[in-house]
Amino acid sequence: MIPQCNDDGYLPAGIHRATLEEVAARFGQESELRQAQIESVRWLVDLAWRAGAQRIVVNGSFVTDKLEPNDVDCVLLIGADFPRDAAAEAELLAGLPFMNLELVDPEGFQQFTERTFATDRDMVPKGMVEVSP
């Protein structure tokens, strides 16, 4: 379950696991922009699993209480067998609408989830969502 946003408009600090449908229900319906963004998230998740991503974390203004988010920030943890599907990898690398995407190794993933995505520009702690398979 995805917790409610705090007074700053952010999820509580940490990684909150949720299914894609829970993410869509919570963050993909309030505005036309959010509806378009969740379609990109759906596309991303499908491609990421096909390509062999081990973990998918969604961040940015998309996982806040902002009515019109700027974009969807994502980090994918990739392993030694990545890519399992070269066509899916090519689509990921070509980019998706509304997406700011990073494909990283375990060290990079830790950097994103513990530092880069863990606070805003003013160092205010915030949470992120990990999409469960």
N, C-alpha and C. Protein backbone atom coordinates (compact mmCIF):
# COMPACT_ATOMS: atom_id res chain seq x y z
N MET A 1 0.83 -1.19 0.00
CA MET A 1 0.00 0.00 0.00
C MET A 1 0.87 1.25 0.00
N ILE A 2 0.50 2.21 -0.78
CA ILE A 2 1.24 3.46 -0.87
C ILE A 2 0.70 4.40 0.20
N PRO A 3 1.57 4.90 1.08
CA PRO A 3 1.10 5.80 2.14
C PRO A 3 0.67 7.16 1.59
N GLN A 4 -0.03 7.91 2.40
CA GLN A 4 -0.46 9.26 2.04
C GLN A 4 0.74 10.20 2.01
N CYS A 5 0.64 11.26 1.24
CA CYS A 5 1.69 12.27 1.19
C CYS A 5 1.68 13.09 2.47
N ASN A 6 2.84 13.58 2.84
CA ASN A 6 2.96 14.40 4.05
C ASN A 6 2.64 15.86 3.73
N ASP A 7 2.87 16.74 4.71
CA ASP A 7 2.55 18.16 4.53
C ASP A 7 3.38 18.83 3.43
N ASP A 8 4.52 18.25 3.08
CA ASP A 8 5.34 18.79 2.00
C ASP A 8 4.87 18.31 0.63
N GLY A 9 3.88 17.40 0.61
CA GLY A 9 3.38 16.86 -0.65
C GLY A 9 4.13 15.63 -1.12
N TYR A 10 5.02 15.11 -0.26
CA TYR A 10 5.84 13.95 -0.60
C TYR A 10 5.37 12.70 0.14
N LEU A 11 5.72 11.55 -0.43
CA LEU A 11 5.55 10.31 0.31
C LEU A 11 6.53 10.31 1.47
N PRO A 12 6.22 9.59 2.55
CA PRO A 12 7.20 9.48 3.63
C PRO A 12 8.50 8.89 3.08
N ALA A 13 9.62 9.25 3.70
CA ALA A 13 10.94 8.81 3.25
C ALA A 13 10.98 7.29 3.11
N GLY A 14 11.74 6.82 2.13
CA GLY A 14 11.93 5.39 1.92
C GLY A 14 11.34 4.92 0.62
N ILE A 15 11.47 3.62 0.40
CA ILE A 15 10.96 2.98 -0.80
C ILE A 15 9.67 2.25 -0.44
N HIS A 16 8.59 2.57 -1.14
CA HIS A 16 7.28 1.98 -0.89
C HIS A 16 6.93 1.08 -2.06
N ARG A 17 6.76 -0.21 -1.78
CA ARG A 17 6.46 -1.18 -2.85
C ARG A 17 4.98 -1.15 -3.20
N ALA A 18 4.69 -1.26 -4.48
CA ALA A 18 3.31 -1.27 -4.96
C ALA A 18 3.26 -1.94 -6.32
N THR A 19 2.11 -2.49 -6.63
CA THR A 19 1.90 -3.03 -7.97
C THR A 19 1.70 -1.88 -8.94
N LEU A 20 1.82 -2.17 -10.21
CA LEU A 20 1.57 -1.16 -11.23
C LEU A 20 0.15 -0.64 -11.12
N GLU A 21 -0.79 -1.51 -10.84
CA GLU A 21 -2.19 -1.07 -10.72
C GLU A 21 -2.39 -0.15 -9.51
N GLU A 22 -1.68 -0.41 -8.42
CA GLU A 22 -1.76 0.50 -7.26
C GLU A 22 -1.16 1.86 -7.60
N VAL A 23 -0.05 1.87 -8.33
CA VAL A 23 0.56 3.13 -8.76
C VAL A 23 -0.41 3.89 -9.67
N ALA A 24 -1.04 3.18 -10.60
CA ALA A 24 -1.99 3.82 -11.52
C ALA A 24 -3.19 4.40 -10.76
N ALA A 25 -3.72 3.64 -9.82
CA ALA A 25 -4.88 4.10 -9.06
C ALA A 25 -4.54 5.33 -8.23
N ARG A 26 -3.35 5.36 -7.67
CA ARG A 26 -2.95 6.46 -6.78
C ARG A 26 -2.47 7.69 -7.53
N PHE A 27 -1.65 7.51 -8.57
CA PHE A 27 -0.99 8.64 -9.20
C PHE A 27 -1.37 8.88 -10.66
N GLY A 28 -2.19 8.03 -11.26
CA GLY A 28 -2.43 8.13 -12.69
C GLY A 28 -3.80 8.56 -13.12
N GLN A 29 -4.57 9.23 -12.26
CA GLN A 29 -5.95 9.51 -12.64
C GLN A 29 -6.41 10.95 -12.49
N GLU A 30 -5.78 11.74 -11.65
CA GLU A 30 -6.32 13.05 -11.27
C GLU A 30 -6.41 14.06 -12.41
N SER A 31 -5.52 14.00 -13.36
CA SER A 31 -5.52 14.98 -14.45
C SER A 31 -5.21 14.26 -15.76
N GLU A 32 -5.47 14.95 -16.86
CA GLU A 32 -5.15 14.37 -18.17
C GLU A 32 -3.64 14.11 -18.29
N LEU A 33 -2.84 15.01 -17.75
CA LEU A 33 -1.39 14.82 -17.79
C LEU A 33 -0.99 13.56 -17.03
N ARG A 34 -1.54 13.37 -15.85
CA ARG A 34 -1.23 12.16 -15.07
C ARG A 34 -1.69 10.90 -15.81
N GLN A 35 -2.82 10.98 -16.49
CA GLN A 35 -3.30 9.82 -17.25
C GLN A 35 -2.34 9.49 -18.39
N ALA A 36 -1.80 10.50 -19.03
CA ALA A 36 -0.82 10.26 -20.10
C ALA A 36 0.48 9.72 -19.51
N GLN A 37 0.89 10.27 -18.37
CA GLN A 37 2.13 9.81 -17.74
C GLN A 37 2.04 8.37 -17.29
N ILE A 38 0.90 7.95 -16.76
CA ILE A 38 0.80 6.56 -16.31
C ILE A 38 0.85 5.61 -17.49
N GLU A 39 0.41 6.04 -18.65
CA GLU A 39 0.54 5.18 -19.84
C GLU A 39 2.01 4.97 -20.18
N SER A 40 2.83 6.01 -20.03
CA SER A 40 4.27 5.85 -20.23
C SER A 40 4.87 4.93 -19.17
N VAL A 41 4.38 5.04 -17.94
CA VAL A 41 4.86 4.15 -16.87
C VAL A 41 4.51 2.70 -17.21
N ARG A 42 3.29 2.46 -17.68
CA ARG A 42 2.89 1.10 -18.07
C ARG A 42 3.81 0.55 -19.17
N TRP A 43 4.08 1.39 -20.17
CA TRP A 43 4.94 1.03 -21.27
C TRP A 43 6.35 0.72 -20.75
N LEU A 44 6.85 1.58 -19.88
CA LEU A 44 8.17 1.39 -19.28
C LEU A 44 8.26 0.07 -18.52
N VAL A 45 7.28 -0.20 -17.68
CA VAL A 45 7.32 -1.42 -16.85
C VAL A 45 7.33 -2.66 -17.73
N ASP A 46 6.50 -2.68 -18.76
CA ASP A 46 6.49 -3.83 -19.67
C ASP A 46 7.86 -4.02 -20.33
N LEU A 47 8.41 -2.95 -20.86
CA LEU A 47 9.72 -3.03 -21.51
C LEU A 47 10.81 -3.43 -20.53
N ALA A 48 10.77 -2.85 -19.33
CA ALA A 48 11.80 -3.12 -18.33
C ALA A 48 11.81 -4.59 -17.93
N TRP A 49 10.64 -5.17 -17.66
CA TRP A 49 10.60 -6.59 -17.28
C TRP A 49 11.07 -7.46 -18.44
N ARG A 50 10.61 -7.13 -19.67
CA ARG A 50 11.04 -7.92 -20.84
C ARG A 50 12.55 -7.85 -21.04
N ALA A 51 13.13 -6.68 -20.81
CA ALA A 51 14.56 -6.49 -21.01
C ALA A 51 15.38 -7.13 -19.89
N GLY A 52 14.72 -7.44 -18.76
CA GLY A 52 15.43 -8.11 -17.67
C GLY A 52 15.80 -7.22 -16.51
N ALA A 53 15.14 -6.08 -16.35
CA ALA A 53 15.40 -5.23 -15.18
C ALA A 53 15.06 -6.02 -13.91
N GLN A 54 15.84 -5.82 -12.87
CA GLN A 54 15.62 -6.51 -11.61
C GLN A 54 14.72 -5.72 -10.67
N ARG A 55 14.82 -4.39 -10.74
CA ARG A 55 13.99 -3.52 -9.90
C ARG A 55 13.66 -2.25 -10.68
N ILE A 56 12.47 -1.70 -10.39
CA ILE A 56 12.02 -0.45 -11.02
C ILE A 56 11.56 0.48 -9.90
N VAL A 57 12.18 1.66 -9.82
CA VAL A 57 11.77 2.65 -8.82
C VAL A 57 11.33 3.91 -9.55
N VAL A 58 10.14 4.39 -9.18
CA VAL A 58 9.53 5.58 -9.77
C VAL A 58 9.64 6.72 -8.77
N ASN A 59 9.99 7.89 -9.26
CA ASN A 59 10.20 9.04 -8.40
C ASN A 59 9.78 10.31 -9.14
N GLY A 60 10.19 11.43 -8.66
CA GLY A 60 9.90 12.71 -9.29
C GLY A 60 8.55 13.24 -8.86
N SER A 61 8.15 14.33 -9.49
CA SER A 61 6.89 14.97 -9.10
C SER A 61 5.69 14.07 -9.36
N PHE A 62 5.87 13.03 -10.17
CA PHE A 62 4.78 12.09 -10.42
C PHE A 62 4.30 11.41 -9.13
N VAL A 63 5.21 11.12 -8.20
CA VAL A 63 4.81 10.44 -6.95
C VAL A 63 4.67 11.44 -5.80
N THR A 64 4.11 12.61 -6.12
CA THR A 64 3.79 13.63 -5.13
C THR A 64 2.31 13.97 -5.26
N ASP A 65 1.86 14.94 -4.46
CA ASP A 65 0.46 15.35 -4.56
C ASP A 65 0.25 16.46 -5.59
N LYS A 66 1.27 16.77 -6.37
CA LYS A 66 1.18 17.80 -7.40
C LYS A 66 0.17 17.37 -8.48
N LEU A 67 -0.77 18.25 -8.81
CA LEU A 67 -1.81 17.93 -9.79
C LEU A 67 -1.22 17.74 -11.19
N GLU A 68 -0.27 18.57 -11.56
CA GLU A 68 0.33 18.52 -12.90
C GLU A 68 1.84 18.27 -12.75
N PRO A 69 2.25 17.02 -12.60
CA PRO A 69 3.68 16.71 -12.43
C PRO A 69 4.50 17.09 -13.66
N ASN A 70 5.77 17.41 -13.42
CA ASN A 70 6.68 17.75 -14.53
C ASN A 70 7.00 16.54 -15.37
N ASP A 71 7.35 15.44 -14.70
CA ASP A 71 7.78 14.24 -15.41
C ASP A 71 7.77 13.06 -14.44
N VAL A 72 8.21 11.93 -14.95
CA VAL A 72 8.33 10.72 -14.14
C VAL A 72 9.80 10.32 -14.15
N ASP A 73 10.43 10.40 -12.99
CA ASP A 73 11.82 9.96 -12.88
C ASP A 73 11.81 8.48 -12.52
N CYS A 74 12.68 7.71 -13.18
CA CYS A 74 12.75 6.27 -12.95
C CYS A 74 14.18 5.80 -12.94
N VAL A 75 14.44 4.80 -12.10
CA VAL A 75 15.73 4.13 -12.13
C VAL A 75 15.47 2.64 -12.21
N LEU A 76 16.20 1.97 -13.12
CA LEU A 76 16.08 0.53 -13.30
C LEU A 76 17.38 -0.12 -12.87
N LEU A 77 17.28 -1.12 -12.02
CA LEU A 77 18.43 -1.92 -11.64
C LEU A 77 18.60 -3.01 -12.68
N ILE A 78 19.77 -3.04 -13.31
CA ILE A 78 20.03 -4.07 -14.30
C ILE A 78 21.13 -5.00 -13.79
N GLY A 79 21.06 -6.24 -14.21
CA GLY A 79 22.03 -7.23 -13.78
C GLY A 79 22.88 -7.71 -14.95
N ALA A 80 23.65 -8.76 -14.67
CA ALA A 80 24.59 -9.30 -15.66
C ALA A 80 23.90 -9.84 -16.90
N ASP A 81 22.64 -10.30 -16.78
CA ASP A 81 21.94 -10.87 -17.93
C ASP A 81 21.15 -9.83 -18.73
N PHE A 82 21.30 -8.57 -18.40
CA PHE A 82 20.61 -7.50 -19.11
C PHE A 82 21.37 -7.18 -20.38
N PRO A 83 20.74 -7.07 -21.52
CA PRO A 83 19.32 -7.23 -21.78
C PRO A 83 18.99 -8.66 -22.19
N ARG A 84 17.87 -9.14 -21.70
CA ARG A 84 17.35 -10.44 -22.15
C ARG A 84 16.60 -10.29 -23.46
N ASP A 85 16.09 -9.09 -23.71
CA ASP A 85 15.35 -8.81 -24.94
C ASP A 85 15.93 -7.52 -25.52
N ALA A 86 16.71 -7.66 -26.59
CA ALA A 86 17.40 -6.52 -27.19
C ALA A 86 16.43 -5.47 -27.74
N ALA A 87 15.30 -5.90 -28.27
CA ALA A 87 14.32 -4.94 -28.81
C ALA A 87 13.72 -4.09 -27.69
N ALA A 88 13.43 -4.72 -26.55
CA ALA A 88 12.91 -3.98 -25.40
C ALA A 88 13.95 -2.99 -24.89
N GLU A 89 15.21 -3.43 -24.84
CA GLU A 89 16.28 -2.53 -24.40
C GLU A 89 16.38 -1.33 -25.34
N ALA A 90 16.30 -1.57 -26.64
CA ALA A 90 16.40 -0.49 -27.62
C ALA A 90 15.29 0.54 -27.43
N GLU A 91 14.09 0.08 -27.15
CA GLU A 91 12.98 1.01 -26.89
C GLU A 91 13.22 1.82 -25.63
N LEU A 92 13.74 1.17 -24.59
CA LEU A 92 14.06 1.89 -23.35
C LEU A 92 15.10 2.98 -23.61
N LEU A 93 16.14 2.61 -24.33
CA LEU A 93 17.22 3.55 -24.61
C LEU A 93 16.79 4.69 -25.53
N ALA A 94 15.81 4.43 -26.38
CA ALA A 94 15.29 5.48 -27.27
C ALA A 94 14.51 6.53 -26.50
N GLY A 95 14.00 6.15 -25.33
CA GLY A 95 13.25 7.09 -24.49
C GLY A 95 11.76 6.93 -24.63
N LEU A 96 11.07 7.34 -23.59
CA LEU A 96 9.61 7.26 -23.54
C LEU A 96 9.05 8.63 -23.17
N PRO A 97 7.86 8.96 -23.64
CA PRO A 97 7.26 10.25 -23.30
C PRO A 97 7.12 10.43 -21.79
N PHE A 98 7.42 11.62 -21.32
CA PHE A 98 7.30 12.02 -19.91
C PHE A 98 8.32 11.35 -18.98
N MET A 99 9.21 10.52 -19.51
CA MET A 99 10.13 9.73 -18.70
C MET A 99 11.52 10.32 -18.65
N ASN A 100 12.08 10.29 -17.47
CA ASN A 100 13.48 10.58 -17.24
C ASN A 100 14.04 9.28 -16.67
N LEU A 101 14.76 8.52 -17.46
CA LEU A 101 15.10 7.14 -17.12
C LEU A 101 16.60 6.91 -17.00
N GLU A 102 16.97 6.16 -15.96
CA GLU A 102 18.36 5.75 -15.75
C GLU A 102 18.40 4.24 -15.62
N LEU A 103 19.33 3.59 -16.34
CA LEU A 103 19.58 2.16 -16.22
C LEU A 103 20.93 2.03 -15.52
N VAL A 104 20.94 1.38 -14.35
CA VAL A 104 22.15 1.39 -13.53
C VAL A 104 22.45 0.02 -12.93
N ASP A 105 23.72 -0.13 -12.52
CA ASP A 105 24.16 -1.33 -11.80
C ASP A 105 23.81 -1.18 -10.32
N PRO A 106 24.08 -2.20 -9.49
CA PRO A 106 23.71 -2.11 -8.07
C PRO A 106 24.27 -0.89 -7.34
N GLU A 107 25.49 -0.50 -7.64
CA GLU A 107 26.07 0.68 -6.98
C GLU A 107 25.31 1.95 -7.37
N GLY A 108 25.01 2.08 -8.65
CA GLY A 108 24.25 3.23 -9.12
C GLY A 108 22.84 3.24 -8.55
N PHE A 109 22.23 2.06 -8.44
CA PHE A 109 20.89 1.95 -7.89
C PHE A 109 20.87 2.43 -6.43
N GLN A 110 21.87 2.01 -5.69
CA GLN A 110 21.97 2.44 -4.29
C GLN A 110 22.13 3.96 -4.21
N GLN A 111 22.94 4.53 -5.08
CA GLN A 111 23.13 5.98 -5.11
C GLN A 111 21.81 6.70 -5.37
N PHE A 112 21.04 6.22 -6.35
CA PHE A 112 19.76 6.85 -6.65
C PHE A 112 18.77 6.71 -5.50
N THR A 113 18.62 5.52 -4.95
CA THR A 113 17.58 5.29 -3.95
C THR A 113 17.95 5.84 -2.57
N GLU A 114 19.23 5.94 -2.27
CA GLU A 114 19.63 6.42 -0.94
C GLU A 114 20.01 7.89 -0.92
N ARG A 115 20.29 8.46 -2.09
CA ARG A 115 20.71 9.87 -2.12
C ARG A 115 19.90 10.70 -3.11
N THR A 116 20.07 10.43 -4.40
CA THR A 116 19.48 11.27 -5.44
C THR A 116 17.97 11.40 -5.31
N PHE A 117 17.27 10.27 -5.16
CA PHE A 117 15.81 10.28 -5.07
C PHE A 117 15.31 10.47 -3.64
N ALA A 118 16.18 10.41 -2.65
CA ALA A 118 15.76 10.41 -1.24
C ALA A 118 15.42 11.79 -0.68
N THR A 119 15.82 12.84 -1.39
CA THR A 119 15.51 14.21 -0.94
C THR A 119 15.19 15.08 -2.15
N ASP A 120 14.58 16.22 -1.87
CA ASP A 120 14.36 17.18 -2.95
C ASP A 120 15.58 18.12 -3.05
N ARG A 121 15.49 19.14 -3.86
CA ARG A 121 16.62 20.07 -4.06
C ARG A 121 17.01 20.79 -2.78
N ASP A 122 16.05 20.94 -1.86
CA ASP A 122 16.31 21.62 -0.59
C ASP A 122 16.66 20.65 0.52
N MET A 123 16.95 19.40 0.14
CA MET A 123 17.33 18.34 1.07
C MET A 123 16.19 17.90 2.01
N VAL A 124 14.94 18.13 1.59
CA VAL A 124 13.78 17.66 2.34
C VAL A 124 13.60 16.18 2.00
N PRO A 125 13.55 15.30 3.01
CA PRO A 125 13.39 13.87 2.74
C PRO A 125 12.07 13.56 2.02
N LYS A 126 12.13 12.60 1.12
CA LYS A 126 10.91 12.20 0.41
C LYS A 126 11.01 10.72 0.02
N GLY A 127 9.86 10.15 -0.25
CA GLY A 127 9.80 8.75 -0.61
C GLY A 127 9.68 8.53 -2.11
N MET A 128 9.75 7.26 -2.47
CA MET A 128 9.65 6.83 -3.86
C MET A 128 8.87 5.53 -3.90
N VAL A 129 8.51 5.07 -5.08
CA VAL A 129 7.71 3.85 -5.22
C VAL A 129 8.48 2.83 -6.04
N GLU A 130 8.56 1.61 -5.52
CA GLU A 130 9.13 0.50 -6.29
C GLU A 130 7.98 -0.32 -6.86
N VAL A 131 7.99 -0.51 -8.16
CA VAL A 131 6.94 -1.27 -8.82
C VAL A 131 7.25 -2.76 -8.68
N SER A 132 6.33 -3.48 -8.04
CA SER A 132 6.47 -4.91 -7.86
C SER A 132 6.04 -5.64 -9.11
N PRO A 133 6.72 -6.77 -9.42
CA PRO A 133 6.33 -7.54 -10.60
C PRO A 133 4.93 -8.14 -10.46
